[in-house]
Amino acid sequence: MSALPEVHDAGLDALRRFVQAHPRLFVLTGAGVSTASGIPDYRDLEGGWKRPPPVTLQAFTGSATTRARYWARSLVGWRRFGAAQPNDTHRALAKLEGDGRIEVLLTQNVDGLHQRAGSRNVIDLHGRLDEVRCLGCERRMPRAQLQRELERRNPDWLSFEAADAPDGDADLDGLDFSAFDVPDCEHCGGRLKPDVVFFGESVPRDRVERARRHLAVSDAMLVVGSSLMVFSGFRFAREAATLGKPVAAINLGRTRADDLLALKIEADCAGMLRAL
């Protein structure tokens, strides 16, 4: 029992030394950062899926039934996802940025909680769920506005409750989605999609290049709450190692970059960063 505080203290001391030695950090965050805000993560301690993988772009665009299922689940899940609040990890990273210790914060999350906690120099690698994009005319609208329209068109679905899922939707399955009314773009009649990068979709090149420019002038990389199993995030750890920049990670369980890490701390990221 007495070993637990010693492990925590050793990890905290190592993290403190890492941060002090590298004043310009390139920080990458993942789903583990937002679990304390009530948003579930995707993977177990070995990096495997806890649930079926998210919908792919090809399935979403190719099937009206898939789109109806997605937006029905989103209608139910958004009520809690949209109300999620930043936690101690978000606030600690905002404080580090305010102290001039962070070159840029690259997040794989789509919840916008880093910005709500006060971080300013944030790159949303996979986009933001609080915006909706038309695949036809590229117009954007607030997700809250679409929520009101979904509720108006589908009042019978307002009584459903289901467990939250990581992408702002809910585990609402075994139902008939065929009658769910999905609105089209009011300007061009195009299909509406959350302004996030789906599986099977590429991260916009300019977003990747902006992150790479920040990495090039950073002293080191700090990974917080990510297994890096998705290549879009892992590539930055690999590039940091190629550039000779040390990489540290705070994450519970295995990461795809374990063999690249100069420091790995298997601990709750909120507790560790709060203490830092």
Protein backbone atom coordinates (compact mmCIF):
# COMPACT_ATOMS: atom_id res chain seq x y z
CA MET A 1 0.00 0.00 0.00
CA SER A 2 2.80 2.45 0.84
CA ALA A 3 4.33 2.08 -2.64
CA LEU A 4 1.58 4.03 -4.38
CA PRO A 5 2.54 7.54 -3.11
CA GLU A 6 6.22 6.82 -3.91
CA VAL A 7 5.36 5.89 -7.49
CA HIS A 8 3.24 9.03 -7.80
CA ASP A 9 5.99 11.22 -6.33
CA ALA A 10 8.62 9.67 -8.60
CA GLY A 11 6.45 10.25 -11.64
CA LEU A 12 5.68 13.81 -10.61
CA ASP A 13 9.35 14.59 -10.03
CA ALA A 14 10.28 13.14 -13.42
CA LEU A 15 7.52 15.12 -15.12
CA ARG A 16 8.58 18.32 -13.36
CA ARG A 17 12.17 17.83 -14.52
CA PHE A 18 10.99 17.17 -18.08
CA VAL A 19 8.89 20.34 -18.17
CA GLN A 20 11.62 22.46 -16.61
CA ALA A 21 14.21 21.16 -19.07
CA HIS A 22 11.98 21.84 -22.11
CA PRO A 23 10.31 25.26 -21.83
CA ARG A 24 8.55 25.10 -25.21
CA LEU A 25 6.34 22.04 -25.19
CA PHE A 26 4.38 20.63 -28.10
CA VAL A 27 1.42 19.09 -26.26
CA LEU A 28 -0.85 16.46 -27.81
CA THR A 29 -3.99 15.42 -25.95
CA GLY A 30 -6.44 12.57 -26.43
CA ALA A 31 -9.65 11.11 -25.08
CA GLY A 32 -8.19 10.37 -21.64
CA VAL A 33 -8.11 14.10 -20.97
CA SER A 34 -11.90 14.42 -21.11
CA THR A 35 -13.05 11.31 -19.24
CA ALA A 36 -13.17 13.29 -15.98
CA SER A 37 -15.63 15.61 -17.74
CA GLY A 38 -17.99 12.68 -18.31
CA ILE A 39 -17.02 11.98 -21.93
CA PRO A 40 -16.12 8.29 -22.43
CA ASP A 41 -12.88 7.24 -24.09
CA TYR A 42 -12.45 4.69 -26.87
CA ARG A 43 -9.77 2.24 -25.83
CA ASP A 44 -8.75 -0.10 -23.03
CA LEU A 45 -5.36 -0.26 -21.32
CA GLU A 46 -3.94 -2.32 -24.19
CA GLY A 47 -5.11 0.15 -26.82
CA GLY A 48 -7.98 -2.05 -28.05
CA TRP A 49 -11.49 -0.84 -28.78
CA LYS A 50 -13.90 -0.81 -25.84
CA ARG A 51 -16.84 -0.54 -28.26
CA PRO A 52 -17.46 -0.84 -32.00
CA PRO A 53 -15.37 1.71 -33.93
CA PRO A 54 -17.06 5.00 -34.85
CA VAL A 55 -18.96 5.43 -38.10
CA THR A 56 -16.82 5.87 -41.21
CA LEU A 57 -17.17 8.69 -43.70
CA GLN A 58 -18.01 6.19 -46.43
CA ALA A 59 -20.88 4.68 -44.42
CA PHE A 60 -22.21 8.10 -43.38
CA THR A 61 -22.28 9.53 -46.90
CA GLY A 62 -23.38 6.30 -48.60
CA SER A 63 -26.40 5.33 -46.53
CA ALA A 64 -29.47 7.32 -45.50
CA THR A 65 -30.12 4.73 -42.79
CA THR A 66 -26.63 5.22 -41.35
CA ARG A 67 -27.12 8.99 -41.31
CA ALA A 68 -30.48 8.62 -39.55
CA ARG A 69 -28.93 6.31 -36.96
CA TYR A 70 -26.03 8.73 -36.42
CA TRP A 71 -28.21 11.80 -35.93
CA ALA A 72 -30.71 9.96 -33.72
CA ARG A 73 -27.89 8.85 -31.43
CA SER A 74 -26.45 12.36 -31.57
CA LEU A 75 -29.77 13.95 -30.62
CA VAL A 76 -29.80 11.91 -27.42
CA GLY A 77 -26.09 12.20 -26.62
CA TRP A 78 -25.65 15.90 -27.36
CA ARG A 79 -27.74 16.92 -24.37
CA ARG A 80 -24.95 15.84 -22.03
CA PHE A 81 -21.94 16.19 -24.35
CA GLY A 82 -22.82 19.79 -25.13
CA ALA A 83 -23.04 20.59 -21.42
CA ALA A 84 -19.69 18.99 -20.45
CA GLN A 85 -17.34 21.20 -18.45
CA PRO A 86 -13.51 21.40 -18.39
CA ASN A 87 -11.74 19.38 -15.71
CA ASP A 88 -8.43 19.75 -13.87
CA THR A 89 -6.38 18.51 -16.84
CA HIS A 90 -7.83 21.19 -19.14
CA ARG A 91 -7.28 23.86 -16.49
CA ALA A 92 -3.71 22.74 -15.73
CA LEU A 93 -2.76 22.84 -19.42
CA ALA A 94 -4.31 26.30 -19.75
CA LYS A 95 -2.20 27.40 -16.77
CA LEU A 96 0.95 25.97 -18.37
CA GLU A 97 0.16 27.90 -21.55
CA GLY A 98 -0.44 31.06 -19.52
CA ASP A 99 2.98 30.58 -17.94
CA GLY A 100 4.53 30.46 -21.41
CA ARG A 101 5.43 26.76 -21.27
CA ILE A 102 3.39 25.50 -24.23
CA GLU A 103 4.26 26.21 -27.86
CA VAL A 104 0.96 24.75 -29.09
CA LEU A 105 -1.70 22.35 -27.87
CA LEU A 106 -2.76 19.84 -30.51
CA THR A 107 -5.86 17.94 -29.44
CA GLN A 108 -7.42 14.87 -30.97
CA ASN A 109 -10.60 15.62 -29.02
CA VAL A 110 -13.60 17.32 -30.62
CA ASP A 111 -15.22 18.72 -27.47
CA GLY A 112 -13.72 22.24 -27.35
CA LEU A 113 -13.01 21.90 -23.62
CA HIS A 114 -9.42 23.12 -23.87
CA GLN A 115 -10.63 26.45 -25.21
CA ARG A 116 -13.35 26.68 -22.57
CA ALA A 117 -10.69 26.14 -19.91
CA GLY A 118 -8.70 29.10 -21.23
CA SER A 119 -6.20 27.60 -23.67
CA ARG A 120 -5.75 29.89 -26.67
CA ASN A 121 -3.17 28.35 -28.97
CA VAL A 122 -5.10 25.16 -29.77
CA ILE A 123 -5.24 23.13 -32.97
CA ASP A 124 -8.32 20.91 -33.17
CA LEU A 125 -6.75 18.10 -35.20
CA HIS A 126 -10.04 16.28 -35.77
CA GLY A 127 -12.31 19.35 -35.84
CA ARG A 128 -15.07 20.41 -33.47
CA LEU A 129 -18.36 18.72 -32.74
CA ASP A 130 -20.06 21.99 -31.85
CA GLU A 131 -20.17 22.93 -35.55
CA VAL A 132 -22.02 21.30 -38.43
CA ARG A 133 -20.87 21.51 -42.06
CA CYS A 134 -22.84 21.14 -45.27
CA LEU A 135 -21.11 18.71 -47.63
CA GLY A 136 -22.64 20.59 -50.56
CA CYS A 137 -22.06 24.30 -50.10
CA GLU A 138 -19.60 24.12 -47.14
CA ARG A 139 -21.74 26.44 -45.01
CA ARG A 140 -21.42 25.94 -41.28
CA MET A 141 -23.91 26.23 -38.46
CA PRO A 142 -23.77 25.77 -34.68
CA ARG A 143 -24.51 22.25 -33.50
CA ALA A 144 -26.93 23.70 -30.93
CA GLN A 145 -29.01 25.16 -33.77
CA LEU A 146 -29.23 21.77 -35.48
CA GLN A 147 -30.14 20.18 -32.14
CA ARG A 148 -33.21 22.40 -31.93
CA GLU A 149 -34.24 21.40 -35.45
CA LEU A 150 -33.69 17.70 -34.76
CA GLU A 151 -35.83 17.95 -31.65
CA ARG A 152 -38.58 19.83 -33.51
CA ARG A 153 -38.72 17.20 -36.24
CA ASN A 154 -38.41 14.19 -33.93
CA PRO A 155 -40.25 14.96 -30.67
CA ASP A 156 -40.89 11.28 -29.94
CA TRP A 157 -37.14 10.72 -29.54
CA LEU A 158 -36.77 13.22 -26.70
CA SER A 159 -37.82 10.65 -24.12
CA PHE A 160 -35.00 8.22 -24.95
CA GLU A 161 -32.10 7.80 -22.55
CA ALA A 162 -28.92 5.85 -23.30
CA ALA A 163 -25.33 5.58 -22.15
CA ASP A 164 -23.00 8.23 -23.51
CA ALA A 165 -20.61 7.37 -26.32
CA PRO A 166 -17.27 9.11 -27.03
CA ASP A 167 -18.33 11.14 -30.08
CA GLY A 168 -21.16 13.06 -28.44
CA ASP A 169 -23.72 10.44 -29.38
CA ALA A 170 -25.32 7.68 -27.30
CA ASP A 171 -25.48 3.89 -27.36
CA LEU A 172 -28.96 3.91 -28.86
CA ASP A 173 -29.29 0.69 -30.80
CA GLY A 174 -31.88 -1.98 -31.54
CA LEU A 175 -34.37 0.66 -32.68
CA ASP A 176 -35.99 1.42 -36.01
CA PHE A 177 -34.31 4.58 -37.32
CA SER A 178 -36.12 4.60 -40.66
CA ALA A 179 -38.65 7.26 -39.58
CA PHE A 180 -36.08 9.57 -38.01
CA ASP A 181 -36.26 12.90 -39.87
CA VAL A 182 -32.81 14.27 -40.75
CA PRO A 183 -32.79 17.86 -42.06
CA ASP A 184 -30.77 18.86 -45.10
CA CYS A 185 -28.94 22.15 -45.59
CA GLU A 186 -31.50 24.94 -45.75
CA HIS A 187 -29.37 26.80 -48.32
CA CYS A 188 -28.55 24.13 -50.90
CA GLY A 189 -30.29 20.93 -49.77
CA GLY A 190 -26.96 19.20 -49.17
CA ARG A 191 -26.19 16.62 -46.51
CA LEU A 192 -25.19 17.88 -43.07
CA LYS A 193 -22.24 16.38 -41.22
CA PRO A 194 -20.58 17.28 -37.92
CA ASP A 195 -17.46 19.31 -38.65
CA VAL A 196 -15.16 16.55 -37.46
CA VAL A 197 -12.83 14.12 -39.18
CA PHE A 198 -14.57 10.75 -39.45
CA PHE A 199 -12.74 7.45 -39.72
CA GLY A 200 -11.82 7.01 -43.38
CA GLU A 201 -11.46 10.77 -43.81
CA SER A 202 -8.16 12.65 -44.00
CA VAL A 203 -7.18 15.44 -41.65
CA PRO A 204 -7.00 18.69 -43.67
CA ARG A 205 -3.45 19.18 -44.92
CA ASP A 206 -3.16 22.78 -43.75
CA ARG A 207 -4.04 21.69 -40.20
CA VAL A 208 -1.31 19.04 -40.23
CA GLU A 209 1.26 21.44 -41.66
CA ARG A 210 0.45 24.09 -39.05
CA ALA A 211 1.03 21.53 -36.30
CA ARG A 212 4.29 20.40 -37.89
CA ARG A 213 5.58 23.99 -37.95
CA HIS A 214 4.94 24.29 -34.23
CA LEU A 215 6.61 20.95 -33.59
CA ALA A 216 9.71 22.08 -35.47
CA VAL A 217 10.29 24.98 -33.06
CA SER A 218 9.34 23.11 -29.89
CA ASP A 219 11.85 21.68 -27.43
CA ALA A 220 9.96 18.48 -26.67
CA MET A 221 6.60 16.75 -27.01
CA LEU A 222 4.23 15.89 -24.18
CA VAL A 223 1.42 13.40 -24.83
CA VAL A 224 -1.48 13.56 -22.38
CA GLY A 225 -4.29 10.99 -22.24
CA SER A 226 -3.75 9.39 -25.64
CA SER A 227 -2.80 5.87 -26.70
CA LEU A 228 -1.74 7.31 -30.09
CA MET A 229 -3.29 4.29 -31.78
CA VAL A 230 -4.73 6.52 -34.50
CA PHE A 231 -2.06 7.45 -37.04
CA SER A 232 -3.16 11.10 -37.24
CA GLY A 233 -1.76 11.62 -33.73
CA PHE A 234 0.99 9.00 -33.73
CA ARG A 235 2.71 10.60 -36.71
CA PHE A 236 3.66 13.63 -34.57
CA ALA A 237 5.36 11.44 -31.95
CA ARG A 238 7.23 9.68 -34.71
CA GLU A 239 8.25 13.00 -36.29
CA ALA A 240 9.36 14.39 -32.93
CA ALA A 241 11.61 11.37 -32.44
CA THR A 242 13.00 11.77 -35.95
CA LEU A 243 13.80 15.41 -35.18
CA GLY A 244 15.62 14.37 -32.02
CA LYS A 245 13.05 15.92 -29.70
CA PRO A 246 12.29 13.93 -26.53
CA VAL A 247 8.74 12.64 -26.12
CA ALA A 248 7.03 12.12 -22.76
CA ALA A 249 3.60 10.62 -22.17
CA ILE A 250 1.10 10.64 -19.31
CA ASN A 251 -1.33 7.85 -20.10
CA LEU A 252 -2.95 4.89 -18.42
CA GLY A 253 -1.95 1.84 -20.45
CA ARG A 254 0.00 1.10 -23.59
CA THR A 255 0.66 3.64 -26.32
CA ARG A 256 1.63 3.07 -29.92
CA ALA A 257 4.76 5.20 -29.28
CA ASP A 258 6.06 3.35 -26.20
CA ASP A 259 9.35 2.53 -27.92
CA LEU A 260 9.86 6.22 -28.78
CA LEU A 261 9.26 7.66 -25.32
CA ALA A 262 11.97 9.27 -23.21
CA LEU A 263 9.55 9.32 -20.26
CA LYS A 264 6.30 7.47 -19.62
CA ILE A 265 4.09 8.05 -16.61
CA GLU A 266 1.20 5.64 -16.15
CA ALA A 267 -1.04 7.76 -13.99
CA ASP A 268 -4.27 9.69 -14.02
CA CYS A 269 -3.47 12.77 -16.08
CA ALA A 270 -5.75 15.08 -14.06
CA GLY A 271 -4.09 14.22 -10.77
CA MET A 272 -0.59 14.41 -12.23
CA LEU A 273 -1.04 17.75 -13.97
CA ARG A 274 -2.93 19.25 -11.04
CA ALA A 275 0.02 18.37 -8.81
CA LEU A 276 2.48 19.75 -11.37
